[in-house]
Amino acid sequence: MQLVIVESPAKAKTIEKYLGKDYKVLASYGHVRDLPPKDGSVRPDEGFAMDWELYGDKQKQVRAITDAAKTADRLILATDPDREGEAISWHVQELLAKRRALPKDVQRVTFNAITKQAVTEAMARPRELDQDLIDAYLARRALDYLFGFTLSPVLWRKLPGAKSAGRVQSVALRLIVDREREIEAFKPQEYWSVVAQLEQDGTEFAGRLVRFEGEKIERLSIGDEGTAMRAKAAVEQGLFRVEDVETKPTKRNPYPPFTTSTLQQEAARKLGFSASHTMRVAQSLYEAGAITYMRTDGVQMDHSAISAARQAISDRYSGHYLPEKPRHYSTKAKNAQ
């Protein structure tokens, strides 16, 4: 029997159906252990030694994973393809090793979509755990702990009722405060625009005054009502004529695939979703095999997926809706996942 570990039970059920009777798929229900919330859980003077403890509500699930691992021929760690997914796999492996339940054959597989093809292809390309990703997780978790346990007590003493300080939230709060101070210090500047509402052969359009008294008008050029009224009077006495009509085609390229941040922004703009609600919906879609992995800042697309999409469009509609060559997007962010 081959034991596969994933995060969620919905994901486990789908993957077990794809893999068949020779596989047993169990869920870890996210992280299985963490740093205990007490002083000394991270010790910088001892090479950043870290203590871990099992989550209280994970005892039953970890016991089930341990029992299954004792009789498994192979352990396949198939958690999410990012830093946190790598960390969950590492924690599971470490726990099983301490309990002397770790199979000799341990493999790590990742996939960006929960479809039969994606899962099958991933199983054919196993690898070892990525120590660089694990180290990145350990560094992030240690910093979170050290920031929180060092700064939060100071914050509570200075600002009663404050919640906590943190590696990310404290910096984000500083950015918000700095921006608010800029807004408070802003001195509004008066300016006027002169716009004529025109009509020709039943077509209405607007014309903006761009030159007055021999001077080109910029956005802040007309700074008082008197000048604006003088310009308005001059315009009303003038004769309007169309001197030139310029027609040019416009081309709009499709947006690149969503990243986590652009998905959240668009869902908020169009649907009014909060970031957390968007991610819950996306998680459900991912586990149903409807979308690829949603926690990403990369925009590259799989070549086979592009080919399949182009073929589907061609079959259902026509080649008229396809560009001559497939579009390829590149990720500008460094260290994208």
Protein backbone atom coordinates (compact mmCIF):
# COMPACT_ATOMS: atom_id res chain seq x y z
CA MET A 1 0.00 0.00 0.00
CA GLN A 2 1.18 3.52 -0.85
CA LEU A 3 0.24 6.30 1.55
CA VAL A 4 -0.39 9.79 0.15
CA ILE A 5 -0.64 12.84 2.41
CA VAL A 6 -2.48 16.01 1.34
CA GLU A 7 -3.90 18.95 3.32
CA SER A 8 -7.67 18.78 2.97
CA PRO A 9 -10.16 15.89 3.13
CA ALA A 10 -11.94 17.07 -0.03
CA LYS A 11 -8.65 16.97 -1.90
CA ALA A 12 -7.87 13.55 -0.40
CA LYS A 13 -11.17 12.10 -1.59
CA THR A 14 -10.69 13.34 -5.17
CA ILE A 15 -7.08 12.18 -5.44
CA GLU A 16 -7.82 8.74 -3.99
CA LYS A 17 -10.47 8.30 -6.67
CA TYR A 18 -7.91 9.15 -9.36
CA LEU A 19 -5.16 6.87 -8.00
CA GLY A 20 -7.16 3.72 -7.31
CA LYS A 21 -7.17 0.93 -4.74
CA ASP A 22 -3.39 0.61 -4.34
CA TYR A 23 -3.24 4.05 -2.71
CA LYS A 24 -4.54 5.37 0.58
CA VAL A 25 -4.90 9.16 0.73
CA LEU A 26 -5.15 10.92 4.10
CA ALA A 27 -5.46 14.60 4.97
CA SER A 28 -3.29 16.42 7.48
CA TYR A 29 -5.89 19.21 7.80
CA GLY A 30 -3.19 21.83 7.30
CA HIS A 31 -0.20 22.21 9.61
CA VAL A 32 0.12 19.49 12.25
CA ARG A 33 2.46 21.28 14.67
CA ASP A 34 3.79 24.72 15.52
CA LEU A 35 5.99 26.63 17.94
CA PRO A 36 4.47 26.59 21.43
CA PRO A 37 3.35 30.09 22.51
CA LYS A 38 5.87 30.49 25.31
CA ASP A 39 9.26 32.07 25.83
CA GLY A 40 12.22 30.10 24.48
CA SER A 41 10.53 28.30 21.59
CA VAL A 42 13.11 29.90 19.28
CA ARG A 43 16.64 30.25 20.63
CA PRO A 44 18.91 32.45 18.45
CA ASP A 45 21.92 31.84 20.72
CA GLU A 46 21.68 28.11 19.99
CA GLY A 47 21.79 28.41 16.22
CA PHE A 48 18.10 29.32 16.08
CA ALA A 49 17.05 26.02 17.64
CA MET A 50 13.26 25.65 17.52
CA ASP A 51 10.87 23.57 19.63
CA TRP A 52 7.70 22.18 18.11
CA GLU A 53 4.48 20.86 19.60
CA LEU A 54 1.56 19.00 18.06
CA TYR A 55 -1.66 20.94 17.66
CA GLY A 56 -4.15 19.68 20.23
CA ASP A 57 -6.91 19.16 17.68
CA LYS A 58 -4.63 17.17 15.35
CA GLN A 59 -3.96 14.24 17.72
CA LYS A 60 -6.57 11.97 16.13
CA GLN A 61 -5.54 12.71 12.55
CA VAL A 62 -1.81 12.34 13.25
CA ARG A 63 -2.53 9.01 14.93
CA ALA A 64 -4.39 7.85 11.80
CA ILE A 65 -1.47 8.94 9.58
CA THR A 66 1.01 7.20 11.89
CA ASP A 67 -0.95 3.93 11.89
CA ALA A 68 -1.26 3.98 8.10
CA ALA A 69 2.44 4.80 7.66
CA LYS A 70 3.52 1.78 9.71
CA THR A 71 2.08 -0.59 7.10
CA ALA A 72 2.80 1.50 3.99
CA ASP A 73 5.44 0.53 1.45
CA ARG A 74 5.89 4.13 0.36
CA LEU A 75 5.02 7.58 1.71
CA ILE A 76 4.10 10.19 -0.89
CA LEU A 77 3.91 13.76 0.39
CA ALA A 78 1.53 15.61 -1.95
CA THR A 79 0.85 18.85 -0.10
CA ASP A 80 0.50 22.19 -1.89
CA PRO A 81 3.28 23.34 -4.26
CA ASP A 82 4.50 26.28 -2.18
CA ARG A 83 6.55 27.08 0.91
CA GLU A 84 3.79 26.21 3.38
CA GLY A 85 3.01 22.99 1.53
CA GLU A 86 6.67 21.99 1.69
CA ALA A 87 6.68 22.81 5.41
CA ILE A 88 3.63 20.63 6.10
CA SER A 89 5.29 17.72 4.31
CA TRP A 90 8.47 18.27 6.32
CA HIS A 91 6.55 18.34 9.61
CA VAL A 92 4.73 15.11 8.73
CA GLN A 93 8.00 13.41 7.81
CA GLU A 94 9.69 14.60 11.03
CA LEU A 95 6.77 13.43 13.18
CA LEU A 96 6.69 9.99 11.58
CA ALA A 97 10.46 9.65 11.98
CA LYS A 98 10.23 10.45 15.70
CA ARG A 99 7.45 7.88 16.07
CA ARG A 100 9.48 5.31 14.14
CA ALA A 101 6.71 5.00 11.59
CA LEU A 102 8.47 6.51 8.56
CA PRO A 103 8.60 4.18 5.53
CA LYS A 104 11.99 3.76 3.89
CA ASP A 105 10.68 5.10 0.60
CA VAL A 106 9.58 8.74 0.97
CA GLN A 107 8.74 10.89 -2.05
CA ARG A 108 7.48 14.41 -2.63
CA VAL A 109 5.12 15.23 -5.50
CA THR A 110 3.46 18.51 -6.47
CA PHE A 111 0.75 19.46 -8.93
CA ASN A 112 -0.87 22.79 -9.80
CA ALA A 113 -4.29 21.39 -10.66
CA ILE A 114 -6.37 18.58 -9.17
CA THR A 115 -7.22 16.73 -12.35
CA LYS A 116 -6.53 13.11 -13.17
CA GLN A 117 -3.93 14.05 -15.77
CA ALA A 118 -2.11 16.48 -13.46
CA VAL A 119 -2.07 14.03 -10.54
CA THR A 120 -0.96 11.10 -12.71
CA GLU A 121 1.85 13.12 -14.28
CA ALA A 122 3.00 14.33 -10.85
CA MET A 123 3.16 10.77 -9.52
CA ALA A 124 5.47 9.91 -12.41
CA ARG A 125 7.87 12.74 -11.42
CA PRO A 126 8.57 12.40 -7.69
CA ARG A 127 11.38 14.31 -5.99
CA GLU A 128 12.86 14.82 -2.56
CA LEU A 129 11.79 17.52 -0.13
CA ASP A 130 13.15 20.94 -1.12
CA GLN A 131 15.43 21.99 1.74
CA ASP A 132 15.64 25.58 0.48
CA LEU A 133 11.86 25.95 0.77
CA ILE A 134 11.92 24.34 4.21
CA ASP A 135 14.67 26.73 5.34
CA ALA A 136 12.64 29.67 4.00
CA TYR A 137 9.66 28.48 6.05
CA LEU A 138 11.78 28.06 9.19
CA ALA A 139 13.25 31.55 8.79
CA ARG A 140 9.81 33.07 8.28
CA ARG A 141 8.32 31.23 11.26
CA ALA A 142 11.24 32.14 13.54
CA LEU A 143 10.99 35.81 12.58
CA ASP A 144 7.23 35.83 13.17
CA TYR A 145 7.78 34.35 16.63
CA LEU A 146 10.67 36.64 17.59
CA PHE A 147 8.93 39.79 16.39
CA GLY A 148 5.67 38.90 18.08
CA PHE A 149 7.09 37.80 21.42
CA THR A 150 9.53 40.72 21.59
CA LEU A 151 7.34 43.61 20.45
CA SER A 152 3.83 42.62 21.50
CA PRO A 153 4.44 42.99 25.29
CA VAL A 154 5.89 46.47 24.67
CA LEU A 155 2.85 47.37 22.58
CA TRP A 156 0.45 46.14 25.26
CA ARG A 157 2.21 48.26 27.91
CA LYS A 158 2.27 51.40 25.79
CA LEU A 159 -1.14 51.01 24.12
CA PRO A 160 -3.63 49.14 26.31
CA GLY A 161 -6.16 47.33 24.15
CA ALA A 162 -3.75 46.85 21.24
CA LYS A 163 -3.75 43.33 19.83
CA SER A 164 -0.21 42.43 18.79
CA ALA A 165 2.85 43.40 16.80
CA GLY A 166 4.20 41.38 13.90
CA ARG A 167 6.81 41.07 11.18
CA VAL A 168 4.31 42.06 8.47
CA GLN A 169 1.43 43.83 10.20
CA SER A 170 3.61 46.34 12.04
CA VAL A 171 5.39 47.38 8.84
CA ALA A 172 2.07 47.57 6.98
CA LEU A 173 0.65 49.74 9.76
CA ARG A 174 3.64 52.10 9.44
CA LEU A 175 2.99 52.46 5.69
CA ILE A 176 -0.68 53.25 6.37
CA VAL A 177 0.22 55.85 9.01
CA ASP A 178 2.79 57.51 6.73
CA ARG A 179 0.24 57.70 3.92
CA GLU A 180 -2.43 59.12 6.22
CA ARG A 181 -0.02 61.83 7.35
CA GLU A 182 0.66 62.72 3.71
CA ILE A 183 -3.09 63.01 3.12
CA GLU A 184 -3.55 65.22 6.19
CA ALA A 185 -0.66 67.47 5.10
CA PHE A 186 -1.97 67.83 1.54
CA LYS A 187 -2.94 71.38 0.57
CA PRO A 188 -5.60 71.37 -2.15
CA GLN A 189 -4.99 73.65 -5.12
CA GLU A 190 -7.87 75.25 -6.98
CA TYR A 191 -8.08 74.73 -10.73
CA TRP A 192 -10.75 75.08 -13.41
CA SER A 193 -11.45 73.34 -16.71
CA VAL A 194 -13.42 74.74 -19.65
CA VAL A 195 -15.36 72.08 -21.55
CA ALA A 196 -17.84 72.62 -24.40
CA GLN A 197 -20.66 70.14 -25.01
CA LEU A 198 -20.98 69.95 -28.80
CA GLU A 199 -23.26 68.22 -31.30
CA GLN A 200 -22.86 67.45 -34.99
CA ASP A 201 -25.36 65.51 -37.12
CA GLY A 202 -26.95 64.02 -34.03
CA THR A 203 -23.65 62.98 -32.46
CA GLU A 204 -22.76 64.59 -29.14
CA PHE A 205 -19.20 64.97 -27.95
CA ALA A 206 -17.15 67.11 -25.58
CA GLY A 207 -14.37 69.52 -26.47
CA ARG A 208 -11.85 70.64 -23.85
CA LEU A 209 -10.09 74.02 -24.04
CA VAL A 210 -6.39 73.32 -24.59
CA ARG A 211 -5.06 76.81 -25.51
CA PHE A 212 -6.06 80.26 -24.28
CA GLU A 213 -4.56 83.66 -25.00
CA GLY A 214 -1.69 82.00 -26.84
CA GLU A 215 -0.74 79.72 -23.95
CA LYS A 216 -1.11 75.95 -23.76
CA ILE A 217 -3.41 74.96 -20.91
CA GLU A 218 -2.17 72.35 -18.48
CA ARG A 219 -4.27 70.79 -15.75
CA LEU A 220 -3.57 73.54 -13.18
CA SER A 221 -3.21 76.46 -15.60
CA ILE A 222 -6.58 78.06 -14.82
CA GLY A 223 -6.32 78.65 -11.10
CA ASP A 224 -9.19 81.05 -10.38
CA GLU A 225 -12.83 81.57 -11.29
CA GLY A 226 -12.20 84.92 -12.98
CA THR A 227 -9.81 83.45 -15.54
CA ALA A 228 -12.17 80.52 -16.09
CA MET A 229 -15.15 82.84 -16.75
CA ARG A 230 -13.06 84.95 -19.14
CA ALA A 231 -12.07 81.81 -21.05
CA LYS A 232 -15.69 80.62 -21.06
CA ALA A 233 -16.89 83.93 -22.50
CA ALA A 234 -14.23 83.80 -25.22
CA VAL A 235 -15.22 80.26 -26.14
CA GLU A 236 -18.92 81.15 -26.33
CA GLN A 237 -18.14 83.95 -28.81
CA GLY A 238 -16.11 81.67 -31.04
CA LEU A 239 -17.12 79.59 -34.05
CA PHE A 240 -16.58 75.86 -33.79
CA ARG A 241 -15.46 73.75 -36.71
CA VAL A 242 -13.94 70.30 -37.09
CA GLU A 243 -10.48 70.72 -38.56
CA ASP A 244 -9.42 67.09 -38.66
CA VAL A 245 -10.77 63.62 -37.92
CA GLU A 246 -8.22 61.00 -36.97
CA THR A 247 -9.24 57.36 -36.98
CA LYS A 248 -6.94 54.68 -35.67
CA PRO A 249 -7.50 51.11 -34.56
CA THR A 250 -7.00 50.26 -30.92
CA LYS A 251 -5.72 46.96 -29.66
CA ARG A 252 -6.26 45.61 -26.17
CA ASN A 253 -4.38 42.55 -25.03
CA PRO A 254 -5.93 40.14 -22.54
CA TYR A 255 -4.77 40.36 -18.96
CA PRO A 256 -2.27 37.73 -17.77
CA PRO A 257 -3.50 34.86 -15.59
CA PHE A 258 -4.46 35.77 -12.04
CA THR A 259 -1.94 35.85 -9.25
CA THR A 260 -3.18 35.70 -5.66
CA SER A 261 -3.21 39.49 -5.34
CA THR A 262 -4.86 40.25 -8.71
CA LEU A 263 -7.51 37.57 -8.04
CA GLN A 264 -8.34 39.21 -4.70
CA GLN A 265 -8.38 42.70 -6.23
CA GLU A 266 -10.70 41.73 -9.08
CA ALA A 267 -13.05 39.79 -6.80
CA ALA A 268 -13.26 42.81 -4.49
CA ARG A 269 -13.84 45.22 -7.37
CA LYS A 270 -16.45 43.21 -9.27
CA LEU A 271 -18.07 41.08 -6.56
CA GLY A 272 -17.37 42.91 -3.33
CA PHE A 273 -15.60 39.86 -1.85
CA SER A 274 -13.17 40.16 1.03
CA ALA A 275 -9.72 38.64 0.51
CA SER A 276 -10.49 35.76 2.90
CA HIS A 277 -13.80 34.95 1.19
CA THR A 278 -12.11 35.00 -2.22
CA MET A 279 -9.50 32.50 -1.04
CA ARG A 280 -12.14 30.19 0.47
CA VAL A 281 -14.03 30.15 -2.82
CA ALA A 282 -10.80 29.65 -4.78
CA GLN A 283 -9.80 26.77 -2.48
CA SER A 284 -13.13 25.04 -3.19
CA LEU A 285 -12.68 25.53 -6.93
CA TYR A 286 -9.12 24.21 -6.75
CA GLU A 287 -10.15 21.11 -4.82
CA ALA A 288 -12.90 20.51 -7.38
CA GLY A 289 -10.33 20.60 -10.19
CA ALA A 290 -11.84 23.76 -11.71
CA ILE A 291 -8.80 26.05 -11.36
CA THR A 292 -5.06 25.74 -10.87
CA TYR A 293 -3.36 26.48 -7.55
CA MET A 294 -4.42 29.93 -6.37
CA ARG A 295 -1.64 30.89 -3.95
CA THR A 296 0.90 32.07 -6.50
CA ASP A 297 2.60 35.18 -7.83
CA GLY A 298 3.62 33.46 -11.07
CA VAL A 299 1.74 33.94 -14.36
CA GLN A 300 3.37 31.28 -16.52
CA MET A 301 0.99 28.73 -18.01
CA ASP A 302 1.62 25.06 -18.70
CA HIS A 303 2.27 24.43 -22.40
CA SER A 304 -0.02 21.39 -22.50
CA ALA A 305 -2.83 23.44 -20.90
CA ILE A 306 -2.39 26.17 -23.52
CA SER A 307 -2.54 23.60 -26.33
CA ALA A 308 -5.66 22.00 -24.85
CA ALA A 309 -7.38 25.38 -24.46
CA ARG A 310 -6.55 26.39 -28.05
CA GLN A 311 -7.87 23.09 -29.35
CA ALA A 312 -11.11 23.45 -27.36
CA ILE A 313 -11.67 26.99 -28.68
CA SER A 314 -10.99 25.87 -32.24
CA ASP A 315 -13.37 22.90 -31.93
CA ARG A 316 -16.23 24.74 -30.25
CA TYR A 317 -16.02 28.07 -32.03
CA SER A 318 -13.49 28.75 -34.79
CA GLY A 319 -9.90 29.71 -35.38
CA HIS A 320 -11.11 33.30 -35.75
CA TYR A 321 -11.05 33.62 -31.95
CA LEU A 322 -7.45 32.43 -31.63
CA PRO A 323 -4.27 34.46 -32.04
CA GLU A 324 -1.88 33.05 -34.60
CA LYS A 325 0.56 32.11 -31.85
CA PRO A 326 -0.21 31.32 -28.21
CA ARG A 327 0.44 34.07 -25.71
CA HIS A 328 3.15 33.55 -23.13
CA TYR A 329 3.44 35.56 -19.95
CA SER A 330 6.48 35.96 -17.74
CA THR A 331 6.63 36.69 -14.04
CA LYS A 332 8.35 39.96 -13.13
CA ALA A 333 8.47 39.32 -9.39
CA LYS A 334 11.67 37.82 -8.03
CA ASN A 335 11.39 34.54 -6.11
CA ALA A 336 7.89 33.95 -7.49
CA GLN A 337 6.09 30.79 -6.42
